[in-house]
Amino acid sequence: YSTLIRVHFELLSEYSEVFLLGMAAPQDNRKRLFSKEKSVRQTTIPEADVELKLIAAILDDSGFEFVETGADSLYLVSEAFPVWINVDPRLKAIVVSTYLSIDPDGDAVEATALAMSANERAPFLSFWIHGDRLNASAMHLFKGGLPRRSLLAFVRTVPKIFTEVTKSVDGGHLLIAPGEQACSRTIH
């Protein structure tokens, strides 16, 4: 009986889930099952509930491949370049960050100009040079709550924008795509 409820729980809409659990599940199991599933599937996560474990559960439920890299970071392994997701409780923000290596023989002025150009093309992301890397990050504020769809769109969009912008501003001569040597500088 419990297995049947869980299967229906996965398949039905949120309103049907509440009705099904309210009618069929024993009182003590109903709260446990509802709160576990509801927290991952609810449409807006309350501000106080936003934490990396819940973000990980939502991403896992949505098919993202990632590795937990500690108590404060997730590393997306499904991207062609490094992407990290962090929760900043002080700022009340989800932060997605990434980078690409810069040719060590490249011109520092040209690298700075590349970052400035990238910032002009994608104000949604913040680009900067640190050492031999072009870094980028974007923040999604969750003060007042975090809409689940908005989180998923944010995590999908940041790497796409990063890829498009870096391709458009680099011209294939300064940035080094992951897995490539400094002699081959075209981002795929």
N, C-alpha and C. Protein backbone atom coordinates (compact mmCIF):
# COMPACT_ATOMS: atom_id res chain seq x y z
N TYR A 1 0.83 -1.20 0.00
CA TYR A 1 0.00 0.00 0.00
C TYR A 1 0.87 1.25 0.00
N SER A 2 1.92 1.24 0.81
CA SER A 2 2.83 2.37 0.89
C SER A 2 3.56 2.59 -0.44
N THR A 3 3.95 1.50 -1.12
CA THR A 3 4.63 1.61 -2.41
C THR A 3 3.71 2.24 -3.45
N LEU A 4 2.46 1.85 -3.45
CA LEU A 4 1.48 2.41 -4.38
C LEU A 4 1.34 3.92 -4.16
N ILE A 5 1.30 4.32 -2.92
CA ILE A 5 1.19 5.75 -2.62
C ILE A 5 2.40 6.49 -3.15
N ARG A 6 3.60 5.94 -2.95
CA ARG A 6 4.81 6.60 -3.43
C ARG A 6 4.82 6.72 -4.95
N VAL A 7 4.38 5.66 -5.66
CA VAL A 7 4.35 5.71 -7.12
C VAL A 7 3.39 6.81 -7.57
N HIS A 8 2.20 6.83 -7.00
CA HIS A 8 1.25 7.88 -7.35
C HIS A 8 1.79 9.25 -6.96
N PHE A 9 2.44 9.29 -5.84
CA PHE A 9 3.02 10.53 -5.35
C PHE A 9 3.95 11.13 -6.38
N GLU A 10 4.75 10.31 -7.04
CA GLU A 10 5.70 10.77 -8.05
C GLU A 10 4.98 11.23 -9.32
N LEU A 11 3.87 10.61 -9.65
CA LEU A 11 3.24 10.84 -10.95
C LEU A 11 2.17 11.93 -10.96
N LEU A 12 1.56 12.18 -9.84
CA LEU A 12 0.43 13.11 -9.82
C LEU A 12 0.87 14.55 -9.60
N SER A 13 0.00 15.46 -9.94
CA SER A 13 0.31 16.88 -9.72
C SER A 13 0.35 17.17 -8.22
N GLU A 14 0.84 18.33 -7.86
CA GLU A 14 0.97 18.69 -6.44
C GLU A 14 -0.36 18.64 -5.71
N TYR A 15 -1.42 19.10 -6.33
CA TYR A 15 -2.72 19.11 -5.65
C TYR A 15 -3.26 17.71 -5.46
N SER A 16 -3.05 16.86 -6.43
CA SER A 16 -3.48 15.48 -6.31
C SER A 16 -2.66 14.75 -5.26
N GLU A 17 -1.38 15.09 -5.16
CA GLU A 17 -0.52 14.46 -4.15
C GLU A 17 -1.06 14.72 -2.75
N VAL A 18 -1.44 15.95 -2.49
CA VAL A 18 -1.95 16.30 -1.17
C VAL A 18 -3.21 15.51 -0.88
N PHE A 19 -4.12 15.44 -1.86
CA PHE A 19 -5.36 14.72 -1.69
C PHE A 19 -5.11 13.23 -1.45
N LEU A 20 -4.26 12.61 -2.26
CA LEU A 20 -3.97 11.19 -2.16
C LEU A 20 -3.36 10.85 -0.80
N LEU A 21 -2.39 11.62 -0.39
CA LEU A 21 -1.75 11.35 0.90
C LEU A 21 -2.69 11.60 2.05
N GLY A 22 -3.52 12.61 1.93
CA GLY A 22 -4.47 12.93 2.99
C GLY A 22 -5.50 11.83 3.17
N MET A 23 -5.88 11.16 2.10
CA MET A 23 -6.91 10.14 2.17
C MET A 23 -6.36 8.75 2.46
N ALA A 24 -5.17 8.41 1.93
CA ALA A 24 -4.73 7.02 1.97
C ALA A 24 -3.61 6.73 2.96
N ALA A 25 -2.76 7.67 3.26
CA ALA A 25 -1.60 7.38 4.09
C ALA A 25 -1.94 7.49 5.56
N PRO A 26 -1.38 6.62 6.39
CA PRO A 26 -1.55 6.76 7.83
C PRO A 26 -1.04 8.13 8.27
N GLN A 27 -1.62 8.67 9.33
CA GLN A 27 -1.30 10.03 9.77
C GLN A 27 0.20 10.26 9.97
N ASP A 28 0.90 9.35 10.63
CA ASP A 28 2.32 9.57 10.91
C ASP A 28 3.17 9.49 9.65
N ASN A 29 2.84 8.65 8.68
CA ASN A 29 3.61 8.56 7.43
C ASN A 29 3.29 9.72 6.50
N ARG A 30 2.05 10.22 6.57
CA ARG A 30 1.64 11.27 5.64
C ARG A 30 2.55 12.49 5.77
N LYS A 31 2.80 12.94 6.96
CA LYS A 31 3.63 14.12 7.14
C LYS A 31 5.06 13.86 6.67
N ARG A 32 5.62 12.70 7.01
CA ARG A 32 6.99 12.38 6.63
C ARG A 32 7.12 12.31 5.10
N LEU A 33 6.23 11.58 4.44
CA LEU A 33 6.29 11.45 2.98
C LEU A 33 6.05 12.79 2.30
N PHE A 34 5.05 13.52 2.79
CA PHE A 34 4.73 14.79 2.15
C PHE A 34 5.89 15.77 2.27
N SER A 35 6.45 15.93 3.44
CA SER A 35 7.50 16.93 3.61
C SER A 35 8.76 16.57 2.83
N LYS A 36 9.09 15.27 2.74
CA LYS A 36 10.28 14.86 1.99
C LYS A 36 10.13 15.18 0.51
N GLU A 37 9.03 14.77 -0.09
CA GLU A 37 8.81 14.98 -1.52
C GLU A 37 8.46 16.43 -1.82
N LYS A 38 7.67 17.04 -0.98
CA LYS A 38 7.21 18.39 -1.24
C LYS A 38 8.38 19.36 -1.28
N SER A 39 9.38 19.15 -0.42
CA SER A 39 10.49 20.09 -0.38
C SER A 39 11.25 20.11 -1.70
N VAL A 40 11.32 18.98 -2.39
CA VAL A 40 12.03 18.92 -3.67
C VAL A 40 11.14 19.41 -4.81
N ARG A 41 9.86 19.15 -4.73
CA ARG A 41 8.97 19.44 -5.84
C ARG A 41 8.15 20.72 -5.69
N GLN A 42 8.17 21.35 -4.54
CA GLN A 42 7.34 22.54 -4.36
C GLN A 42 7.75 23.64 -5.33
N THR A 43 6.81 24.50 -5.64
CA THR A 43 7.08 25.52 -6.65
C THR A 43 7.96 26.64 -6.14
N THR A 44 7.83 27.04 -4.89
CA THR A 44 8.69 28.07 -4.30
C THR A 44 9.21 27.57 -2.97
N ILE A 45 10.52 27.61 -2.82
CA ILE A 45 11.15 27.17 -1.59
C ILE A 45 11.23 28.39 -0.67
N PRO A 46 10.73 28.26 0.56
CA PRO A 46 10.82 29.39 1.48
C PRO A 46 12.29 29.77 1.74
N GLU A 47 12.53 31.05 1.91
CA GLU A 47 13.88 31.58 2.10
C GLU A 47 14.63 30.82 3.20
N ALA A 48 13.98 30.53 4.30
CA ALA A 48 14.63 29.86 5.43
C ALA A 48 15.05 28.42 5.11
N ASP A 49 14.43 27.80 4.09
CA ASP A 49 14.73 26.41 3.74
C ASP A 49 15.82 26.26 2.68
N VAL A 50 16.26 27.36 2.08
CA VAL A 50 17.24 27.28 1.00
C VAL A 50 18.60 26.92 1.59
N GLU A 51 19.08 25.74 1.21
CA GLU A 51 20.41 25.27 1.62
C GLU A 51 20.94 24.36 0.52
N LEU A 52 22.22 24.10 0.56
CA LEU A 52 22.85 23.34 -0.52
C LEU A 52 22.28 21.93 -0.68
N LYS A 53 21.93 21.27 0.44
CA LYS A 53 21.36 19.92 0.34
C LYS A 53 20.05 19.92 -0.44
N LEU A 54 19.22 20.92 -0.21
CA LEU A 54 17.95 21.00 -0.93
C LEU A 54 18.19 21.35 -2.41
N ILE A 55 19.13 22.25 -2.67
CA ILE A 55 19.48 22.58 -4.05
C ILE A 55 19.98 21.32 -4.76
N ALA A 56 20.81 20.54 -4.08
CA ALA A 56 21.32 19.28 -4.65
C ALA A 56 20.17 18.33 -4.96
N ALA A 57 19.22 18.21 -4.06
CA ALA A 57 18.07 17.32 -4.28
C ALA A 57 17.24 17.78 -5.48
N ILE A 58 17.04 19.08 -5.61
CA ILE A 58 16.27 19.61 -6.75
C ILE A 58 17.01 19.35 -8.06
N LEU A 59 18.32 19.62 -8.08
CA LEU A 59 19.10 19.39 -9.29
C LEU A 59 19.12 17.90 -9.65
N ASP A 60 19.27 17.05 -8.65
CA ASP A 60 19.26 15.60 -8.88
C ASP A 60 17.91 15.16 -9.44
N ASP A 61 16.84 15.67 -8.86
CA ASP A 61 15.49 15.34 -9.32
C ASP A 61 15.26 15.81 -10.76
N SER A 62 16.00 16.83 -11.19
CA SER A 62 15.83 17.40 -12.53
C SER A 62 16.84 16.87 -13.54
N GLY A 63 17.67 15.90 -13.15
CA GLY A 63 18.56 15.25 -14.09
C GLY A 63 19.95 15.85 -14.22
N PHE A 64 20.30 16.82 -13.40
CA PHE A 64 21.65 17.38 -13.45
C PHE A 64 22.63 16.38 -12.85
N GLU A 65 23.83 16.32 -13.44
CA GLU A 65 24.89 15.49 -12.89
C GLU A 65 25.86 16.40 -12.16
N PHE A 66 26.13 16.08 -10.89
CA PHE A 66 27.01 16.92 -10.10
C PHE A 66 27.70 16.08 -9.03
N VAL A 67 28.71 16.69 -8.42
CA VAL A 67 29.44 16.08 -7.32
C VAL A 67 29.44 17.10 -6.20
N GLU A 68 29.16 16.65 -4.99
CA GLU A 68 29.26 17.56 -3.85
C GLU A 68 30.74 17.71 -3.52
N THR A 69 31.21 18.94 -3.50
CA THR A 69 32.64 19.20 -3.27
C THR A 69 32.90 19.76 -1.89
N GLY A 70 32.03 19.49 -0.99
CA GLY A 70 32.16 19.98 0.37
C GLY A 70 30.81 20.45 0.87
N ALA A 71 30.83 21.05 2.03
CA ALA A 71 29.58 21.48 2.64
C ALA A 71 28.96 22.69 1.95
N ASP A 72 29.75 23.38 1.12
CA ASP A 72 29.23 24.62 0.56
C ASP A 72 29.27 24.72 -0.95
N SER A 73 29.49 23.59 -1.65
CA SER A 73 29.64 23.70 -3.11
C SER A 73 29.23 22.42 -3.84
N LEU A 74 28.64 22.60 -5.01
CA LEU A 74 28.33 21.51 -5.94
C LEU A 74 29.12 21.78 -7.22
N TYR A 75 29.65 20.73 -7.82
CA TYR A 75 30.39 20.84 -9.07
C TYR A 75 29.59 20.12 -10.15
N LEU A 76 29.13 20.87 -11.16
CA LEU A 76 28.36 20.26 -12.26
C LEU A 76 29.32 19.52 -13.18
N VAL A 77 29.12 18.23 -13.33
CA VAL A 77 29.99 17.44 -14.20
C VAL A 77 29.42 17.31 -15.60
N SER A 78 28.23 17.80 -15.82
CA SER A 78 27.59 17.67 -17.13
C SER A 78 28.02 18.77 -18.10
N GLU A 79 28.81 19.73 -17.65
CA GLU A 79 29.24 20.81 -18.52
C GLU A 79 30.63 20.53 -19.09
N ALA A 80 30.96 21.18 -20.19
CA ALA A 80 32.26 20.97 -20.85
C ALA A 80 33.38 21.73 -20.14
N PHE A 81 33.05 22.59 -19.21
CA PHE A 81 34.04 23.36 -18.46
C PHE A 81 33.59 23.37 -17.01
N PRO A 82 34.47 23.76 -16.09
CA PRO A 82 34.11 23.69 -14.67
C PRO A 82 33.00 24.68 -14.29
N VAL A 83 32.00 24.18 -13.57
CA VAL A 83 30.89 25.01 -13.09
C VAL A 83 30.60 24.61 -11.65
N TRP A 84 30.58 25.61 -10.76
CA TRP A 84 30.26 25.37 -9.36
C TRP A 84 29.00 26.12 -8.98
N ILE A 85 28.26 25.52 -8.03
CA ILE A 85 27.07 26.15 -7.49
C ILE A 85 27.27 26.26 -5.98
N ASN A 86 27.05 27.46 -5.46
CA ASN A 86 27.18 27.70 -4.04
C ASN A 86 25.93 28.43 -3.55
N VAL A 87 25.65 28.28 -2.26
CA VAL A 87 24.61 29.04 -1.60
C VAL A 87 25.31 30.02 -0.67
N ASP A 88 25.04 31.30 -0.83
CA ASP A 88 25.60 32.32 0.04
C ASP A 88 24.49 32.81 0.97
N PRO A 89 24.44 32.28 2.21
CA PRO A 89 23.35 32.65 3.11
C PRO A 89 23.40 34.12 3.54
N ARG A 90 24.58 34.70 3.57
CA ARG A 90 24.72 36.10 3.96
C ARG A 90 24.06 37.02 2.92
N LEU A 91 24.34 36.75 1.64
CA LEU A 91 23.75 37.55 0.57
C LEU A 91 22.36 37.07 0.16
N LYS A 92 21.96 35.88 0.67
CA LYS A 92 20.70 35.26 0.26
C LYS A 92 20.69 35.07 -1.25
N ALA A 93 21.75 34.35 -1.73
CA ALA A 93 21.91 34.18 -3.18
C ALA A 93 22.47 32.81 -3.52
N ILE A 94 22.03 32.30 -4.66
CA ILE A 94 22.64 31.13 -5.28
C ILE A 94 23.69 31.70 -6.23
N VAL A 95 24.92 31.19 -6.17
CA VAL A 95 25.99 31.70 -7.01
C VAL A 95 26.47 30.57 -7.92
N VAL A 96 26.48 30.83 -9.22
CA VAL A 96 27.04 29.90 -10.20
C VAL A 96 28.30 30.55 -10.73
N SER A 97 29.41 29.81 -10.67
CA SER A 97 30.68 30.37 -11.13
C SER A 97 31.42 29.38 -12.01
N THR A 98 32.28 29.92 -12.87
CA THR A 98 33.02 29.11 -13.82
C THR A 98 34.26 29.88 -14.28
N TYR A 99 35.07 29.24 -15.10
CA TYR A 99 36.24 29.92 -15.67
C TYR A 99 36.73 29.17 -16.90
N LEU A 100 37.53 29.86 -17.69
CA LEU A 100 38.32 29.26 -18.77
C LEU A 100 39.74 29.76 -18.61
N SER A 101 40.70 28.92 -18.95
CA SER A 101 42.11 29.31 -18.89
C SER A 101 42.45 30.26 -20.02
N ILE A 102 43.40 31.13 -19.75
CA ILE A 102 43.90 32.07 -20.74
C ILE A 102 45.29 31.60 -21.16
N ASP A 103 45.60 31.75 -22.41
CA ASP A 103 46.92 31.40 -22.92
C ASP A 103 47.98 32.12 -22.07
N PRO A 104 48.89 31.36 -21.46
CA PRO A 104 49.92 31.99 -20.62
C PRO A 104 50.82 32.95 -21.39
N ASP A 105 50.91 32.79 -22.70
CA ASP A 105 51.71 33.70 -23.52
C ASP A 105 50.90 34.89 -24.03
N GLY A 106 49.61 34.93 -23.66
CA GLY A 106 48.74 36.00 -24.14
C GLY A 106 49.03 37.32 -23.47
N ASP A 107 48.56 38.36 -24.09
CA ASP A 107 48.77 39.73 -23.63
C ASP A 107 47.77 40.05 -22.51
N ALA A 108 48.26 40.58 -21.38
CA ALA A 108 47.42 40.91 -20.23
C ALA A 108 46.41 42.00 -20.57
N VAL A 109 46.80 42.96 -21.37
CA VAL A 109 45.89 44.04 -21.77
C VAL A 109 44.76 43.47 -22.63
N GLU A 110 45.12 42.58 -23.53
CA GLU A 110 44.12 41.94 -24.38
C GLU A 110 43.16 41.09 -23.54
N ALA A 111 43.67 40.40 -22.53
CA ALA A 111 42.83 39.59 -21.65
C ALA A 111 41.86 40.48 -20.86
N THR A 112 42.34 41.61 -20.39
CA THR A 112 41.47 42.56 -19.67
C THR A 112 40.40 43.12 -20.60
N ALA A 113 40.77 43.44 -21.81
CA ALA A 113 39.81 43.92 -22.80
C ALA A 113 38.76 42.85 -23.10
N LEU A 114 39.18 41.60 -23.15
CA LEU A 114 38.26 40.49 -23.38
C LEU A 114 37.23 40.43 -22.25
N ALA A 115 37.68 40.53 -20.99
CA ALA A 115 36.76 40.51 -19.85
C ALA A 115 35.79 41.69 -19.90
N MET A 116 36.29 42.85 -20.24
CA MET A 116 35.43 44.03 -20.34
C MET A 116 34.38 43.86 -21.43
N SER A 117 34.80 43.32 -22.57
CA SER A 117 33.88 43.08 -23.66
C SER A 117 32.82 42.05 -23.27
N ALA A 118 33.24 41.02 -22.55
CA ALA A 118 32.29 40.00 -22.09
C ALA A 118 31.28 40.62 -21.13
N ASN A 119 31.72 41.50 -20.25
CA ASN A 119 30.80 42.16 -19.32
C ASN A 119 29.78 43.03 -20.06
N GLU A 120 30.19 43.65 -21.14
CA GLU A 120 29.27 44.46 -21.93
C GLU A 120 28.22 43.60 -22.63
N ARG A 121 28.62 42.43 -23.07
CA ARG A 121 27.70 41.54 -23.81
C ARG A 121 26.76 40.77 -22.90
N ALA A 122 27.17 40.53 -21.66
CA ALA A 122 26.35 39.73 -20.76
C ALA A 122 26.35 40.35 -19.37
N PRO A 123 25.58 41.41 -19.17
CA PRO A 123 25.56 42.06 -17.86
C PRO A 123 25.01 41.15 -16.76
N PHE A 124 24.34 40.09 -17.14
CA PHE A 124 23.81 39.10 -16.22
C PHE A 124 24.96 38.36 -15.51
N LEU A 125 26.10 38.23 -16.17
CA LEU A 125 27.29 37.59 -15.61
C LEU A 125 28.33 38.66 -15.29
N SER A 126 29.18 38.35 -14.34
CA SER A 126 30.29 39.22 -14.01
C SER A 126 31.58 38.52 -14.41
N PHE A 127 32.33 39.10 -15.34
CA PHE A 127 33.58 38.53 -15.83
C PHE A 127 34.76 39.29 -15.24
N TRP A 128 35.84 38.58 -14.90
CA TRP A 128 37.06 39.21 -14.44
C TRP A 128 38.24 38.29 -14.69
N ILE A 129 39.42 38.89 -14.74
CA ILE A 129 40.65 38.13 -14.94
C ILE A 129 41.30 37.94 -13.57
N HIS A 130 41.71 36.72 -13.29
CA HIS A 130 42.49 36.44 -12.09
C HIS A 130 43.58 35.46 -12.48
N GLY A 131 44.80 35.91 -12.46
CA GLY A 131 45.91 35.05 -12.88
C GLY A 131 45.77 34.69 -14.35
N ASP A 132 45.76 33.39 -14.62
CA ASP A 132 45.65 32.92 -16.01
C ASP A 132 44.25 32.41 -16.33
N ARG A 133 43.23 33.01 -15.70
CA ARG A 133 41.85 32.57 -15.92
C ARG A 133 40.91 33.74 -16.18
N LEU A 134 39.96 33.47 -17.08
CA LEU A 134 38.82 34.35 -17.24
C LEU A 134 37.71 33.75 -16.38
N ASN A 135 37.39 34.40 -15.29
CA ASN A 135 36.37 33.92 -14.36
C ASN A 135 35.05 34.60 -14.65
N ALA A 136 33.98 33.91 -14.29
CA ALA A 136 32.64 34.49 -14.42
C ALA A 136 31.76 33.94 -13.32
N SER A 137 30.85 34.76 -12.87
CA SER A 137 29.86 34.29 -11.90
C SER A 137 28.56 35.06 -12.10
N ALA A 138 27.50 34.46 -11.60
CA ALA A 138 26.18 35.08 -11.63
C ALA A 138 25.48 34.72 -10.34
N MET A 139 24.65 35.63 -9.86
CA MET A 139 23.92 35.41 -8.62
C MET A 139 22.41 35.42 -8.87
N HIS A 140 21.73 34.54 -8.16
CA HIS A 140 20.27 34.50 -8.16
C HIS A 140 19.83 34.71 -6.72
N LEU A 141 19.26 35.87 -6.44
CA LEU A 141 18.83 36.17 -5.08
C LEU A 141 17.60 35.35 -4.70
N PHE A 142 17.56 34.91 -3.43
CA PHE A 142 16.40 34.15 -2.99
C PHE A 142 15.71 34.78 -1.78
N LYS A 143 15.94 36.05 -1.54
CA LYS A 143 15.25 36.74 -0.44
C LYS A 143 13.76 36.71 -0.74
N GLY A 144 12.98 36.20 0.19
CA GLY A 144 11.54 36.07 0.00
C GLY A 144 11.14 34.72 -0.58
N GLY A 145 12.11 33.87 -0.93
CA GLY A 145 11.81 32.55 -1.47
C GLY A 145 12.52 32.31 -2.79
N LEU A 146 12.62 31.05 -3.15
CA LEU A 146 13.32 30.66 -4.38
C LEU A 146 12.39 29.82 -5.24
N PRO A 147 11.89 30.38 -6.34
CA PRO A 147 11.06 29.59 -7.25
C PRO A 147 11.89 28.45 -7.87
N ARG A 148 11.37 27.25 -7.81
CA ARG A 148 12.09 26.07 -8.32
C ARG A 148 12.42 26.21 -9.80
N ARG A 149 11.46 26.62 -10.60
CA ARG A 149 11.69 26.77 -12.05
C ARG A 149 12.75 27.82 -12.33
N SER A 150 12.73 28.87 -11.56
CA SER A 150 13.70 29.94 -11.73
C SER A 150 15.11 29.43 -11.41
N LEU A 151 15.24 28.64 -10.36
CA LEU A 151 16.54 28.05 -10.01
C LEU A 151 17.04 27.17 -11.15
N LEU A 152 16.19 26.29 -11.66
CA LEU A 152 16.60 25.38 -12.73
C LEU A 152 16.97 26.13 -14.00
N ALA A 153 16.20 27.14 -14.34
CA ALA A 153 16.51 27.96 -15.52
C ALA A 153 17.84 28.67 -15.34
N PHE A 154 18.08 29.17 -14.14
CA PHE A 154 19.33 29.87 -13.83
C PHE A 154 20.53 28.94 -14.00
N VAL A 155 20.44 27.75 -13.43
CA VAL A 155 21.55 26.80 -13.51
C VAL A 155 21.79 26.33 -14.95
N ARG A 156 20.74 26.24 -15.74
CA ARG A 156 20.91 25.85 -17.16
C ARG A 156 21.44 27.00 -18.01
N THR A 157 21.03 28.22 -17.69
CA THR A 157 21.33 29.37 -18.53
C THR A 157 22.74 29.90 -18.37
N VAL A 158 23.26 29.95 -17.16
CA VAL A 158 24.57 30.55 -16.93
C VAL A 158 25.66 29.90 -17.79
N PRO A 159 25.80 28.56 -17.79
CA PRO A 159 26.83 27.97 -18.65
C PRO A 159 26.63 28.25 -20.14
N LYS A 160 25.37 28.29 -20.58
CA LYS A 160 25.09 28.58 -21.99
C LYS A 160 25.52 30.00 -22.36
N ILE A 161 25.17 30.94 -21.52
CA ILE A 161 25.56 32.33 -21.80
C ILE A 161 27.08 32.47 -21.75
N PHE A 162 27.71 31.84 -20.77
CA PHE A 162 29.17 31.89 -20.67
C PHE A 162 29.81 31.37 -21.96
N THR A 163 29.35 30.25 -22.46
CA THR A 163 29.89 29.68 -23.68
C THR A 163 29.70 30.62 -24.86
N GLU A 164 28.47 31.12 -25.04
CA GLU A 164 28.19 32.01 -26.17
C GLU A 164 29.03 33.29 -26.12
N VAL A 165 29.12 33.88 -24.94
CA VAL A 165 29.85 35.14 -24.81
C VAL A 165 31.34 34.93 -25.03
N THR A 166 31.91 33.88 -24.44
CA THR A 166 33.35 33.66 -24.61
C THR A 166 33.69 33.35 -26.06
N LYS A 167 32.81 32.64 -26.76
CA LYS A 167 33.05 32.39 -28.19
C LYS A 167 33.03 33.69 -28.98
N SER A 168 32.08 34.56 -28.64
CA SER A 168 31.92 35.78 -29.42
C SER A 168 33.01 36.82 -29.15
N VAL A 169 33.57 36.85 -27.96
CA VAL A 169 34.57 37.88 -27.65
C VAL A 169 36.01 37.44 -27.86
N ASP A 170 36.24 36.13 -27.91
CA ASP A 170 37.62 35.65 -27.97
C ASP A 170 38.17 35.53 -29.38
N GLY A 171 37.40 35.07 -30.29
CA GLY A 171 37.90 34.86 -31.64
C GLY A 171 38.83 33.66 -31.74
N GLY A 172 38.88 32.84 -30.71
CA GLY A 172 39.65 31.59 -30.76
C GLY A 172 41.15 31.74 -30.57
N HIS A 173 41.62 32.83 -29.98
CA HIS A 173 43.08 32.95 -29.87
C HIS A 173 43.61 33.19 -28.46
N LEU A 174 42.77 33.52 -27.49
CA LEU A 174 43.27 33.81 -26.15
C LEU A 174 42.80 32.80 -25.11
N LEU A 175 41.56 32.35 -25.21
CA LEU A 175 41.01 31.39 -24.25
C LEU A 175 41.32 29.97 -24.68
N ILE A 176 41.56 29.12 -23.69
CA ILE A 176 41.88 27.72 -23.95
C ILE A 176 40.71 26.87 -23.47
N ALA A 177 40.08 26.17 -24.38
CA ALA A 177 38.96 25.30 -24.03
C ALA A 177 39.46 24.15 -23.17
N PRO A 178 38.62 23.65 -22.25
CA PRO A 178 39.02 22.53 -21.41
C PRO A 178 39.49 21.34 -22.25
N GLY A 179 40.58 20.74 -21.84
CA GLY A 179 41.10 19.57 -22.54
C GLY A 179 41.98 19.89 -23.73
N GLU A 180 42.11 21.16 -24.08
CA GLU A 180 42.95 21.53 -25.22
C GLU A 180 44.27 22.11 -24.74
N GLN A 181 45.26 22.03 -25.58
CA GLN A 181 46.57 22.59 -25.29
C GLN A 181 46.59 24.05 -25.71
N ALA A 182 47.56 24.78 -25.24
CA ALA A 182 47.65 26.20 -25.54
C ALA A 182 47.77 26.49 -27.03
N CYS A 183 48.24 25.53 -27.83
CA CYS A 183 48.42 25.75 -29.27
C CYS A 183 47.08 25.70 -30.02
N SER A 184 46.09 25.04 -29.45
CA SER A 184 44.77 24.95 -30.10
C SER A 184 43.78 25.70 -29.22
N ARG A 185 43.37 26.87 -29.64
CA ARG A 185 42.62 27.75 -28.75
C ARG A 185 41.19 28.01 -29.21
N THR A 186 40.58 27.11 -29.87
CA THR A 186 39.21 27.31 -30.30
C THR A 186 38.27 26.67 -29.30
N ILE A 187 37.27 27.42 -28.86
CA ILE A 187 36.29 26.89 -27.90
C ILE A 187 35.20 26.18 -28.70
N HIS A 188 34.92 24.96 -28.32
CA HIS A 188 33.91 24.15 -29.03
C HIS A 188 32.59 24.22 -28.33
